[in-house]
């Protein structure tokens, strides 16, 4: 299975769209069902690392970037994914 973000590498990591550290937080428990909090993306190691490096605040990540499209709307994440996709060509 290829990475759901870059499509360039095998996906060996699972990125929780709402980080696990937030699953017991009252704000998240009020707004999301347990099943929703378990949703995520299959990503390669480098994309997973980039997500957490570019958006280090896990509450911000869970509140504002909790879908694939929202994650790709983040300017730095979008730039990284675009760069990574382009690396395979040339």
N, C-alpha and C. Protein backbone atom coordinates (compact mmCIF):
# COMPACT_ATOMS: atom_id res chain seq x y z
N UNK A 1 0.85 -1.17 0.00
CA UNK A 1 0.00 0.00 0.00
C UNK A 1 0.90 1.25 0.00
N UNK A 2 0.58 2.18 -0.89
CA UNK A 2 1.37 3.40 -0.99
C UNK A 2 0.87 4.46 -0.01
N UNK A 3 1.75 5.38 0.33
CA UNK A 3 1.44 6.48 1.23
C UNK A 3 0.24 7.27 0.70
N UNK A 4 -0.72 7.54 1.58
CA UNK A 4 -1.93 8.27 1.19
C UNK A 4 -1.67 9.76 0.96
N UNK A 5 -0.49 10.24 1.31
CA UNK A 5 -0.17 11.65 1.06
C UNK A 5 0.71 11.81 -0.17
N UNK A 6 1.87 11.17 -0.17
CA UNK A 6 2.80 11.39 -1.27
C UNK A 6 2.66 10.35 -2.38
N UNK A 7 2.19 9.17 -2.05
CA UNK A 7 2.05 8.10 -3.05
C UNK A 7 3.37 7.56 -3.55
N UNK A 8 4.47 8.02 -2.97
CA UNK A 8 5.78 7.66 -3.48
C UNK A 8 6.43 6.47 -2.78
N UNK A 9 6.02 6.21 -1.58
CA UNK A 9 6.66 5.16 -0.79
C UNK A 9 5.62 4.23 -0.19
N UNK A 10 6.09 3.08 0.23
CA UNK A 10 5.23 2.16 0.95
C UNK A 10 4.83 2.78 2.28
N UNK A 11 3.56 2.64 2.62
CA UNK A 11 3.03 3.20 3.87
C UNK A 11 3.18 2.17 4.99
N UNK A 12 4.07 2.45 5.91
CA UNK A 12 4.29 1.55 7.05
C UNK A 12 3.88 2.19 8.37
N UNK A 13 3.33 3.40 8.32
CA UNK A 13 2.91 4.12 9.52
C UNK A 13 1.44 4.45 9.43
N UNK A 14 0.78 4.51 10.58
CA UNK A 14 -0.62 4.93 10.64
C UNK A 14 -0.65 6.25 11.38
N UNK A 15 -1.14 7.28 10.70
CA UNK A 15 -1.26 8.60 11.32
C UNK A 15 -2.69 8.78 11.81
N UNK A 16 -2.88 8.88 13.13
CA UNK A 16 -4.20 9.17 13.69
C UNK A 16 -4.53 10.63 13.39
N UNK A 17 -5.66 10.87 12.74
CA UNK A 17 -6.04 12.24 12.42
C UNK A 17 -6.30 13.05 13.68
N UNK A 18 -6.76 12.39 14.72
CA UNK A 18 -6.82 12.98 16.05
C UNK A 18 -5.80 12.19 16.88
N UNK A 19 -4.67 12.82 17.20
CA UNK A 19 -3.60 12.09 17.90
C UNK A 19 -4.10 11.38 19.17
N UNK A 20 -3.55 10.22 19.41
CA UNK A 20 -3.98 9.41 20.55
C UNK A 20 -3.86 10.13 21.88
N UNK A 21 -2.92 11.06 21.99
CA UNK A 21 -2.77 11.81 23.24
C UNK A 21 -4.01 12.65 23.55
N UNK A 22 -4.85 12.89 22.55
CA UNK A 22 -6.06 13.69 22.73
C UNK A 22 -7.31 12.85 22.99
N UNK A 23 -7.22 11.55 22.86
CA UNK A 23 -8.41 10.70 22.94
C UNK A 23 -9.12 10.77 24.29
N UNK A 24 -8.42 11.06 25.36
CA UNK A 24 -9.08 11.15 26.67
C UNK A 24 -9.40 12.59 27.07
N UNK A 25 -9.08 13.55 26.21
CA UNK A 25 -9.32 14.96 26.47
C UNK A 25 -10.82 15.28 26.35
N UNK A 26 -11.36 16.01 27.31
CA UNK A 26 -12.81 16.31 27.33
C UNK A 26 -13.28 17.02 26.07
N UNK A 27 -12.49 17.97 25.57
CA UNK A 27 -12.89 18.72 24.37
C UNK A 27 -13.14 17.77 23.20
N UNK A 28 -12.24 16.81 23.02
CA UNK A 28 -12.37 15.86 21.92
C UNK A 28 -13.49 14.85 22.18
N UNK A 29 -13.61 14.40 23.43
CA UNK A 29 -14.65 13.41 23.76
C UNK A 29 -16.05 13.97 23.55
N UNK A 30 -16.21 15.28 23.73
CA UNK A 30 -17.52 15.91 23.52
C UNK A 30 -17.87 15.99 22.03
N UNK A 31 -16.88 16.09 21.19
CA UNK A 31 -17.10 16.38 19.78
C UNK A 31 -16.97 15.19 18.84
N UNK A 32 -16.28 14.13 19.27
CA UNK A 32 -16.02 13.00 18.38
C UNK A 32 -16.36 11.67 19.06
N UNK A 33 -16.93 10.79 18.28
CA UNK A 33 -17.16 9.42 18.76
C UNK A 33 -15.82 8.67 18.77
N UNK A 34 -15.75 7.64 19.54
CA UNK A 34 -14.53 6.84 19.66
C UNK A 34 -14.05 6.36 18.29
N UNK A 35 -14.99 5.94 17.43
CA UNK A 35 -14.63 5.46 16.09
C UNK A 35 -13.98 6.57 15.27
N UNK A 36 -14.50 7.78 15.41
CA UNK A 36 -13.94 8.92 14.67
C UNK A 36 -12.52 9.22 15.12
N UNK A 37 -12.27 9.07 16.39
CA UNK A 37 -10.94 9.36 16.91
C UNK A 37 -9.92 8.31 16.48
N UNK A 38 -10.39 7.17 16.03
CA UNK A 38 -9.48 6.12 15.58
C UNK A 38 -9.17 6.20 14.09
N UNK A 39 -9.81 7.12 13.39
CA UNK A 39 -9.59 7.23 11.95
C UNK A 39 -8.21 7.81 11.66
N UNK A 40 -7.68 7.43 10.52
CA UNK A 40 -6.36 7.92 10.17
C UNK A 40 -5.97 7.61 8.75
N UNK A 41 -4.72 7.85 8.47
CA UNK A 41 -4.16 7.66 7.14
C UNK A 41 -2.97 6.71 7.21
N UNK A 42 -2.81 5.90 6.19
CA UNK A 42 -1.62 5.08 6.05
C UNK A 42 -0.60 5.92 5.31
N UNK A 43 0.50 6.21 5.98
CA UNK A 43 1.52 7.10 5.43
C UNK A 43 2.90 6.49 5.55
N UNK A 44 3.82 7.01 4.74
CA UNK A 44 5.21 6.57 4.85
C UNK A 44 5.85 7.25 6.07
N UNK A 45 6.97 6.73 6.47
CA UNK A 45 7.66 7.24 7.66
C UNK A 45 8.03 8.71 7.50
N UNK A 46 8.51 9.11 6.33
CA UNK A 46 8.95 10.50 6.16
C UNK A 46 7.77 11.48 6.17
N UNK A 47 6.63 11.11 5.59
CA UNK A 47 5.45 11.98 5.64
C UNK A 47 4.93 12.07 7.08
N UNK A 48 4.94 10.95 7.79
CA UNK A 48 4.46 10.95 9.18
C UNK A 48 5.35 11.87 10.03
N UNK A 49 6.64 11.75 9.84
CA UNK A 49 7.57 12.60 10.59
C UNK A 49 7.35 14.07 10.24
N UNK A 50 7.16 14.36 8.95
CA UNK A 50 6.96 15.74 8.50
C UNK A 50 5.69 16.33 9.13
N UNK A 51 4.61 15.58 9.18
CA UNK A 51 3.36 16.07 9.78
C UNK A 51 3.64 16.54 11.21
N UNK A 52 4.28 15.68 11.99
CA UNK A 52 4.50 15.99 13.40
C UNK A 52 5.59 17.05 13.60
N UNK A 53 6.52 17.15 12.68
CA UNK A 53 7.54 18.21 12.77
C UNK A 53 6.94 19.56 12.40
N UNK A 54 6.07 19.58 11.40
CA UNK A 54 5.50 20.84 10.91
C UNK A 54 4.33 21.33 11.77
N UNK A 55 3.64 20.40 12.43
CA UNK A 55 2.54 20.75 13.33
C UNK A 55 2.79 20.02 14.65
N UNK A 56 3.71 20.53 15.46
CA UNK A 56 4.11 19.81 16.67
C UNK A 56 3.07 19.81 17.79
N UNK A 57 2.15 20.75 17.79
CA UNK A 57 1.13 20.82 18.84
C UNK A 57 0.02 19.83 18.51
N UNK A 58 -0.07 18.77 19.29
CA UNK A 58 -1.02 17.70 18.98
C UNK A 58 -2.47 18.13 19.14
N UNK A 59 -2.75 19.08 20.03
CA UNK A 59 -4.12 19.60 20.13
C UNK A 59 -4.48 20.37 18.87
N UNK A 60 -3.57 21.19 18.38
CA UNK A 60 -3.80 21.93 17.14
C UNK A 60 -4.00 20.94 15.98
N UNK A 61 -3.18 19.93 15.94
CA UNK A 61 -3.27 18.91 14.90
C UNK A 61 -4.65 18.24 14.93
N UNK A 62 -5.11 17.86 16.11
CA UNK A 62 -6.40 17.20 16.25
C UNK A 62 -7.59 18.11 16.02
N UNK A 63 -7.47 19.36 16.40
CA UNK A 63 -8.59 20.30 16.27
C UNK A 63 -8.73 20.86 14.87
N UNK A 64 -7.61 21.16 14.22
CA UNK A 64 -7.67 21.89 12.96
C UNK A 64 -7.25 21.09 11.73
N UNK A 65 -6.58 19.98 11.91
CA UNK A 65 -6.06 19.21 10.78
C UNK A 65 -6.44 17.74 10.91
N UNK A 66 -7.73 17.49 11.15
CA UNK A 66 -8.20 16.14 11.45
C UNK A 66 -8.86 15.42 10.27
N UNK A 67 -8.59 15.90 9.07
CA UNK A 67 -8.98 15.17 7.84
C UNK A 67 -7.81 15.27 6.88
N UNK A 68 -7.80 14.42 5.89
CA UNK A 68 -6.74 14.46 4.88
C UNK A 68 -6.74 15.81 4.17
N UNK A 69 -7.92 16.29 3.79
CA UNK A 69 -7.97 17.56 3.05
C UNK A 69 -7.52 18.73 3.91
N UNK A 70 -7.88 18.75 5.19
CA UNK A 70 -7.44 19.83 6.08
C UNK A 70 -5.93 19.76 6.28
N UNK A 71 -5.40 18.56 6.39
CA UNK A 71 -3.97 18.39 6.55
C UNK A 71 -3.24 18.93 5.31
N UNK A 72 -3.78 18.64 4.13
CA UNK A 72 -3.16 19.12 2.89
C UNK A 72 -3.40 20.60 2.65
N UNK A 73 -4.31 21.21 3.41
CA UNK A 73 -4.51 22.66 3.34
C UNK A 73 -3.46 23.42 4.15
N UNK A 74 -2.77 22.72 5.05
CA UNK A 74 -1.71 23.36 5.82
C UNK A 74 -0.59 23.69 4.84
N UNK A 75 -0.20 24.96 4.71
CA UNK A 75 0.77 25.36 3.68
C UNK A 75 2.09 24.59 3.70
N UNK A 76 2.63 24.36 4.88
CA UNK A 76 3.92 23.66 4.96
C UNK A 76 3.78 22.18 4.65
N UNK A 77 2.71 21.56 5.11
CA UNK A 77 2.48 20.15 4.80
C UNK A 77 2.25 20.00 3.29
N UNK A 78 1.44 20.88 2.72
CA UNK A 78 1.17 20.84 1.27
C UNK A 78 2.47 21.00 0.49
N UNK A 79 3.31 21.93 0.92
CA UNK A 79 4.59 22.13 0.24
C UNK A 79 5.49 20.91 0.33
N UNK A 80 5.51 20.28 1.49
CA UNK A 80 6.33 19.08 1.67
C UNK A 80 5.83 17.96 0.76
N UNK A 81 4.52 17.73 0.76
CA UNK A 81 3.94 16.65 -0.05
C UNK A 81 4.19 16.92 -1.53
N UNK A 82 4.04 18.15 -1.96
CA UNK A 82 4.29 18.50 -3.37
C UNK A 82 5.76 18.22 -3.73
N UNK A 83 6.66 18.64 -2.84
CA UNK A 83 8.09 18.38 -3.06
C UNK A 83 8.37 16.87 -3.13
N UNK A 84 7.77 16.14 -2.20
CA UNK A 84 8.01 14.69 -2.12
C UNK A 84 7.48 13.99 -3.36
N UNK A 85 6.31 14.37 -3.83
CA UNK A 85 5.73 13.77 -5.04
C UNK A 85 6.63 14.04 -6.25
N UNK A 86 7.21 15.23 -6.31
CA UNK A 86 8.07 15.61 -7.43
C UNK A 86 9.42 14.92 -7.43
N UNK A 87 9.86 14.43 -6.30
CA UNK A 87 11.17 13.76 -6.20
C UNK A 87 11.24 12.51 -7.05
N UNK A 88 10.10 11.84 -7.22
CA UNK A 88 10.10 10.58 -7.98
C UNK A 88 10.24 10.76 -9.47
N UNK A 89 10.11 12.01 -9.92
CA UNK A 89 10.20 12.29 -11.36
C UNK A 89 11.57 12.90 -11.67
N UNK A 90 12.04 12.66 -12.83
CA UNK A 90 13.26 13.34 -13.21
C UNK A 90 14.35 12.45 -13.47
